[in-house]
Amino acid sequence: MSEAAPNFESLLREALSPVEPPEGMALRLEATLQSITELAADELQEWELSAMRDPRNWARPAVAVVAGSAAGAALVLLRARRRAHADVSRGGIAGGARDTAERALKDVGRETRRLFGGR
């Protein structure tokens, strides 16, 4: 019975080991999120304000707002995380948790401005 425990532990260790995603996955995900954000913005631009009177017309703009916001937020976080990961791989880790949080907030702000046209 004592022989099953090491085997079980090694199986768990192997099953729970980190797995690297495929090379192009991050780029494909970023392109998809960018496309969703642009499609949602196009949908909202084409929507006429006069159609607001009829509640039956609210579904498409509501879906466009939700999908565009979610995709935009995910895109901002993905780009900020990629930049932070690049800084770590270059040996750019300095400071503690506060410095890391400040850099992350700056990256998120920069990517948000970049995504929404520098407004």
N, C-alpha and C. Protein backbone atom coordinates (compact mmCIF):
# COMPACT_ATOMS: atom_id res chain seq x y z
N MET A 1 0.82 -1.19 0.00
CA MET A 1 0.00 0.00 0.00
C MET A 1 0.86 1.26 0.00
N SER A 2 2.06 1.16 0.56
CA SER A 2 2.93 2.33 0.58
C SER A 2 3.51 2.62 -0.81
N GLU A 3 3.50 1.63 -1.69
CA GLU A 3 4.00 1.85 -3.04
C GLU A 3 3.04 2.68 -3.89
N ALA A 4 1.75 2.68 -3.59
CA ALA A 4 0.76 3.42 -4.37
C ALA A 4 0.87 4.92 -4.12
N ALA A 5 1.30 5.33 -2.93
CA ALA A 5 1.38 6.75 -2.60
C ALA A 5 2.39 7.50 -3.46
N PRO A 6 3.63 7.03 -3.61
CA PRO A 6 4.57 7.75 -4.47
C PRO A 6 4.10 7.80 -5.93
N ASN A 7 3.50 6.73 -6.39
CA ASN A 7 3.00 6.70 -7.75
C ASN A 7 1.88 7.72 -7.92
N PHE A 8 1.00 7.79 -6.94
CA PHE A 8 -0.11 8.75 -6.98
C PHE A 8 0.43 10.18 -6.95
N GLU A 9 1.41 10.44 -6.12
CA GLU A 9 2.01 11.78 -6.05
C GLU A 9 2.68 12.17 -7.37
N SER A 10 3.38 11.25 -7.96
CA SER A 10 4.03 11.57 -9.24
C SER A 10 3.00 11.80 -10.34
N LEU A 11 1.91 11.04 -10.31
CA LEU A 11 0.84 11.27 -11.29
C LEU A 11 0.20 12.64 -11.10
N LEU A 12 -0.03 13.01 -9.86
CA LEU A 12 -0.59 14.34 -9.58
C LEU A 12 0.36 15.44 -10.02
N ARG A 13 1.63 15.27 -9.70
CA ARG A 13 2.63 16.27 -10.07
C ARG A 13 2.68 16.43 -11.60
N GLU A 14 2.61 15.33 -12.30
CA GLU A 14 2.64 15.37 -13.76
C GLU A 14 1.36 16.00 -14.32
N ALA A 15 0.21 15.66 -13.74
CA ALA A 15 -1.06 16.19 -14.22
C ALA A 15 -1.21 17.68 -13.96
N LEU A 16 -0.62 18.16 -12.88
CA LEU A 16 -0.79 19.56 -12.51
C LEU A 16 0.38 20.45 -12.93
N SER A 17 1.26 19.93 -13.74
CA SER A 17 2.40 20.73 -14.19
C SER A 17 1.91 21.80 -15.18
N PRO A 18 2.54 22.97 -15.17
CA PRO A 18 2.11 24.05 -16.08
C PRO A 18 2.30 23.67 -17.54
N VAL A 19 1.40 24.13 -18.37
CA VAL A 19 1.46 23.86 -19.80
C VAL A 19 1.53 25.20 -20.52
N GLU A 20 2.48 25.32 -21.40
CA GLU A 20 2.63 26.55 -22.19
C GLU A 20 1.63 26.52 -23.35
N PRO A 21 0.96 27.65 -23.59
CA PRO A 21 0.03 27.69 -24.72
C PRO A 21 0.79 27.68 -26.05
N PRO A 22 0.11 27.34 -27.13
CA PRO A 22 0.77 27.36 -28.44
C PRO A 22 1.30 28.75 -28.77
N GLU A 23 2.28 28.82 -29.64
CA GLU A 23 2.96 30.07 -29.99
C GLU A 23 2.01 31.18 -30.41
N GLY A 24 1.16 30.91 -31.37
CA GLY A 24 0.33 31.96 -31.94
C GLY A 24 -0.99 32.20 -31.23
N MET A 25 -1.22 31.52 -30.14
CA MET A 25 -2.51 31.63 -29.46
C MET A 25 -2.77 33.04 -28.96
N ALA A 26 -1.80 33.66 -28.36
CA ALA A 26 -1.99 35.02 -27.83
C ALA A 26 -2.26 36.00 -28.96
N LEU A 27 -1.58 35.85 -30.08
CA LEU A 27 -1.81 36.74 -31.21
C LEU A 27 -3.19 36.53 -31.82
N ARG A 28 -3.62 35.27 -31.92
CA ARG A 28 -4.96 34.98 -32.44
C ARG A 28 -6.03 35.52 -31.50
N LEU A 29 -5.82 35.35 -30.21
CA LEU A 29 -6.78 35.86 -29.23
C LEU A 29 -6.85 37.38 -29.29
N GLU A 30 -5.71 38.04 -29.39
CA GLU A 30 -5.68 39.50 -29.49
C GLU A 30 -6.38 39.97 -30.76
N ALA A 31 -6.15 39.31 -31.88
CA ALA A 31 -6.80 39.69 -33.14
C ALA A 31 -8.31 39.50 -33.05
N THR A 32 -8.75 38.41 -32.42
CA THR A 32 -10.18 38.16 -32.27
C THR A 32 -10.83 39.21 -31.38
N LEU A 33 -10.19 39.54 -30.26
CA LEU A 33 -10.73 40.56 -29.37
C LEU A 33 -10.78 41.93 -30.05
N GLN A 34 -9.75 42.25 -30.81
CA GLN A 34 -9.72 43.51 -31.55
C GLN A 34 -10.87 43.55 -32.56
N SER A 35 -11.10 42.44 -33.25
CA SER A 35 -12.17 42.37 -34.23
C SER A 35 -13.54 42.55 -33.57
N ILE A 36 -13.76 41.90 -32.44
CA ILE A 36 -15.03 42.03 -31.72
C ILE A 36 -15.24 43.48 -31.28
N THR A 37 -14.19 44.11 -30.78
CA THR A 37 -14.29 45.50 -30.34
C THR A 37 -14.65 46.41 -31.51
N GLU A 38 -14.00 46.21 -32.64
CA GLU A 38 -14.28 47.03 -33.82
C GLU A 38 -15.68 46.80 -34.36
N LEU A 39 -16.13 45.54 -34.38
CA LEU A 39 -17.48 45.24 -34.85
C LEU A 39 -18.53 45.87 -33.94
N ALA A 40 -18.30 45.84 -32.64
CA ALA A 40 -19.24 46.46 -31.70
C ALA A 40 -19.27 47.97 -31.89
N ALA A 41 -18.12 48.58 -32.11
CA ALA A 41 -18.08 50.03 -32.34
C ALA A 41 -18.79 50.39 -33.64
N ASP A 42 -18.60 49.59 -34.67
CA ASP A 42 -19.29 49.83 -35.94
C ASP A 42 -20.80 49.71 -35.78
N GLU A 43 -21.23 48.72 -35.02
CA GLU A 43 -22.66 48.52 -34.78
C GLU A 43 -23.26 49.72 -34.05
N LEU A 44 -22.54 50.23 -33.09
CA LEU A 44 -23.04 51.39 -32.34
C LEU A 44 -23.03 52.65 -33.19
N GLN A 45 -22.05 52.79 -34.09
CA GLN A 45 -22.01 53.96 -34.96
C GLN A 45 -23.16 53.97 -35.95
N GLU A 46 -23.55 52.80 -36.41
CA GLU A 46 -24.63 52.70 -37.39
C GLU A 46 -26.01 52.85 -36.76
N TRP A 47 -26.09 52.69 -35.46
CA TRP A 47 -27.37 52.75 -34.77
C TRP A 47 -27.85 54.18 -34.69
N GLU A 48 -29.10 54.40 -35.00
CA GLU A 48 -29.67 55.74 -34.98
C GLU A 48 -30.32 56.02 -33.63
N LEU A 49 -30.10 57.20 -33.12
CA LEU A 49 -30.64 57.59 -31.83
C LEU A 49 -32.16 57.66 -31.88
N SER A 50 -32.72 57.93 -33.03
CA SER A 50 -34.18 58.01 -33.14
C SER A 50 -34.85 56.66 -32.89
N ALA A 51 -34.11 55.58 -33.06
CA ALA A 51 -34.66 54.24 -32.84
C ALA A 51 -34.78 53.92 -31.36
N MET A 52 -34.30 54.77 -30.50
CA MET A 52 -34.33 54.53 -29.06
C MET A 52 -35.76 54.51 -28.51
N ARG A 53 -36.68 55.12 -29.21
CA ARG A 53 -38.06 55.20 -28.73
C ARG A 53 -38.72 53.83 -28.63
N ASP A 54 -38.33 52.93 -29.50
CA ASP A 54 -38.94 51.60 -29.53
C ASP A 54 -38.05 50.60 -28.79
N PRO A 55 -38.52 50.05 -27.67
CA PRO A 55 -37.70 49.11 -26.89
C PRO A 55 -37.30 47.85 -27.65
N ARG A 56 -38.01 47.52 -28.70
CA ARG A 56 -37.65 46.33 -29.48
C ARG A 56 -36.31 46.52 -30.18
N ASN A 57 -35.90 47.74 -30.35
CA ASN A 57 -34.63 48.03 -31.03
C ASN A 57 -33.45 48.12 -30.07
N TRP A 58 -33.66 47.90 -28.80
CA TRP A 58 -32.60 48.08 -27.81
C TRP A 58 -31.66 46.88 -27.73
N ALA A 59 -32.06 45.73 -28.21
CA ALA A 59 -31.27 44.51 -28.01
C ALA A 59 -29.91 44.58 -28.71
N ARG A 60 -29.89 44.95 -29.98
CA ARG A 60 -28.61 44.96 -30.72
C ARG A 60 -27.61 45.95 -30.13
N PRO A 61 -28.02 47.19 -29.83
CA PRO A 61 -27.05 48.10 -29.22
C PRO A 61 -26.60 47.63 -27.83
N ALA A 62 -27.50 47.03 -27.08
CA ALA A 62 -27.12 46.54 -25.75
C ALA A 62 -26.09 45.42 -25.86
N VAL A 63 -26.32 44.51 -26.80
CA VAL A 63 -25.36 43.42 -27.01
C VAL A 63 -24.03 43.99 -27.50
N ALA A 64 -24.09 44.99 -28.37
CA ALA A 64 -22.86 45.60 -28.88
C ALA A 64 -22.07 46.28 -27.76
N VAL A 65 -22.78 46.94 -26.84
CA VAL A 65 -22.10 47.59 -25.72
C VAL A 65 -21.45 46.55 -24.81
N VAL A 66 -22.18 45.51 -24.48
CA VAL A 66 -21.65 44.48 -23.58
C VAL A 66 -20.48 43.74 -24.24
N ALA A 67 -20.66 43.31 -25.48
CA ALA A 67 -19.60 42.56 -26.16
C ALA A 67 -18.37 43.43 -26.39
N GLY A 68 -18.60 44.66 -26.82
CA GLY A 68 -17.47 45.56 -27.06
C GLY A 68 -16.72 45.90 -25.79
N SER A 69 -17.46 46.13 -24.72
CA SER A 69 -16.81 46.44 -23.44
C SER A 69 -16.01 45.26 -22.91
N ALA A 70 -16.60 44.08 -22.98
CA ALA A 70 -15.90 42.88 -22.49
C ALA A 70 -14.66 42.59 -23.33
N ALA A 71 -14.80 42.67 -24.64
CA ALA A 71 -13.65 42.41 -25.52
C ALA A 71 -12.58 43.47 -25.34
N GLY A 72 -12.99 44.72 -25.19
CA GLY A 72 -12.03 45.80 -24.99
C GLY A 72 -11.27 45.64 -23.68
N ALA A 73 -12.00 45.30 -22.62
CA ALA A 73 -11.35 45.09 -21.32
C ALA A 73 -10.39 43.91 -21.37
N ALA A 74 -10.81 42.84 -22.00
CA ALA A 74 -9.93 41.67 -22.12
C ALA A 74 -8.70 41.99 -22.96
N LEU A 75 -8.88 42.78 -24.00
CA LEU A 75 -7.76 43.17 -24.85
C LEU A 75 -6.76 44.03 -24.09
N VAL A 76 -7.28 44.97 -23.30
CA VAL A 76 -6.40 45.83 -22.49
C VAL A 76 -5.61 44.98 -21.50
N LEU A 77 -6.27 44.07 -20.82
CA LEU A 77 -5.59 43.22 -19.84
C LEU A 77 -4.58 42.28 -20.50
N LEU A 78 -4.94 41.75 -21.66
CA LEU A 78 -4.03 40.85 -22.37
C LEU A 78 -2.75 41.58 -22.78
N ARG A 79 -2.90 42.78 -23.31
CA ARG A 79 -1.72 43.54 -23.73
C ARG A 79 -0.88 43.98 -22.54
N ALA A 80 -1.53 44.39 -21.47
CA ALA A 80 -0.79 44.80 -20.28
C ALA A 80 -0.04 43.61 -19.67
N ARG A 81 -0.67 42.46 -19.66
CA ARG A 81 -0.02 41.27 -19.10
C ARG A 81 1.16 40.85 -19.97
N ARG A 82 0.98 40.94 -21.29
CA ARG A 82 2.07 40.58 -22.19
C ARG A 82 3.26 41.52 -21.99
N ARG A 83 2.98 42.82 -21.81
CA ARG A 83 4.06 43.78 -21.59
C ARG A 83 4.76 43.49 -20.25
N ALA A 84 3.97 43.17 -19.22
CA ALA A 84 4.57 42.85 -17.93
C ALA A 84 5.41 41.58 -18.02
N HIS A 85 4.93 40.60 -18.77
CA HIS A 85 5.68 39.35 -18.94
C HIS A 85 6.98 39.62 -19.69
N ALA A 86 6.94 40.51 -20.67
CA ALA A 86 8.15 40.86 -21.41
C ALA A 86 9.15 41.57 -20.50
N ASP A 87 8.66 42.42 -19.59
CA ASP A 87 9.54 43.11 -18.64
C ASP A 87 10.21 42.10 -17.71
N VAL A 88 9.46 41.12 -17.27
CA VAL A 88 10.01 40.10 -16.37
C VAL A 88 11.07 39.28 -17.09
N SER A 89 10.79 38.91 -18.33
CA SER A 89 11.75 38.08 -19.06
C SER A 89 13.03 38.84 -19.40
N ARG A 90 12.96 40.17 -19.45
CA ARG A 90 14.15 40.99 -19.69
C ARG A 90 14.89 41.30 -18.40
N GLY A 91 14.39 40.81 -17.29
CA GLY A 91 15.05 41.08 -16.01
C GLY A 91 14.66 42.42 -15.42
N GLY A 92 13.51 42.93 -15.79
CA GLY A 92 13.08 44.24 -15.34
C GLY A 92 12.31 44.23 -14.05
N ILE A 93 12.42 43.21 -13.25
CA ILE A 93 11.71 43.17 -11.97
C ILE A 93 12.47 44.01 -10.97
N ALA A 94 11.79 44.99 -10.44
CA ALA A 94 12.38 45.84 -9.41
C ALA A 94 11.28 46.27 -8.47
N GLY A 95 11.58 46.34 -7.21
CA GLY A 95 10.59 46.80 -6.24
C GLY A 95 9.70 45.69 -5.77
N GLY A 96 8.71 46.08 -4.98
CA GLY A 96 7.82 45.10 -4.40
C GLY A 96 6.45 45.10 -5.07
N ALA A 97 5.47 44.73 -4.27
CA ALA A 97 4.11 44.61 -4.78
C ALA A 97 3.55 45.96 -5.21
N ARG A 98 3.89 47.00 -4.49
CA ARG A 98 3.37 48.33 -4.83
C ARG A 98 3.89 48.79 -6.20
N ASP A 99 5.18 48.60 -6.44
CA ASP A 99 5.75 48.98 -7.73
C ASP A 99 5.13 48.17 -8.87
N THR A 100 4.91 46.90 -8.61
CA THR A 100 4.30 46.04 -9.62
C THR A 100 2.88 46.51 -9.92
N ALA A 101 2.12 46.84 -8.88
CA ALA A 101 0.74 47.31 -9.07
C ALA A 101 0.72 48.64 -9.83
N GLU A 102 1.65 49.54 -9.50
CA GLU A 102 1.71 50.83 -10.20
C GLU A 102 2.04 50.64 -11.68
N ARG A 103 2.99 49.75 -11.97
CA ARG A 103 3.32 49.48 -13.38
C ARG A 103 2.13 48.87 -14.11
N ALA A 104 1.43 47.97 -13.44
CA ALA A 104 0.27 47.33 -14.06
C ALA A 104 -0.82 48.36 -14.36
N LEU A 105 -1.07 49.26 -13.42
CA LEU A 105 -2.08 50.30 -13.66
C LEU A 105 -1.67 51.23 -14.80
N LYS A 106 -0.40 51.58 -14.86
CA LYS A 106 0.08 52.42 -15.96
C LYS A 106 -0.08 51.70 -17.30
N ASP A 107 0.24 50.41 -17.33
CA ASP A 107 0.10 49.64 -18.57
C ASP A 107 -1.37 49.56 -19.00
N VAL A 108 -2.26 49.33 -18.03
CA VAL A 108 -3.68 49.25 -18.36
C VAL A 108 -4.17 50.60 -18.88
N GLY A 109 -3.76 51.68 -18.25
CA GLY A 109 -4.14 53.01 -18.73
C GLY A 109 -3.61 53.30 -20.12
N ARG A 110 -2.37 52.93 -20.38
CA ARG A 110 -1.76 53.15 -21.69
C ARG A 110 -2.49 52.36 -22.77
N GLU A 111 -2.79 51.10 -22.49
CA GLU A 111 -3.48 50.27 -23.47
C GLU A 111 -4.91 50.74 -23.69
N THR A 112 -5.56 51.23 -22.65
CA THR A 112 -6.92 51.75 -22.79
C THR A 112 -6.92 52.97 -23.69
N ARG A 113 -5.99 53.89 -23.46
CA ARG A 113 -5.89 55.08 -24.32
C ARG A 113 -5.57 54.68 -25.76
N ARG A 114 -4.71 53.70 -25.92
CA ARG A 114 -4.34 53.26 -27.27
C ARG A 114 -5.54 52.63 -27.98
N LEU A 115 -6.31 51.84 -27.25
CA LEU A 115 -7.46 51.15 -27.83
C LEU A 115 -8.56 52.14 -28.21
N PHE A 116 -8.78 53.15 -27.39
CA PHE A 116 -9.87 54.10 -27.65
C PHE A 116 -9.38 55.38 -28.32
N GLY A 117 -8.25 55.34 -28.95
CA GLY A 117 -7.82 56.44 -29.79
C GLY A 117 -7.21 57.61 -29.06
N GLY A 118 -6.61 57.41 -27.90
CA GLY A 118 -5.89 58.47 -27.19
C GLY A 118 -6.78 59.51 -26.57
N ARG A 119 -8.04 59.20 -26.35
CA ARG A 119 -8.93 60.17 -25.71
C ARG A 119 -8.70 60.25 -24.24
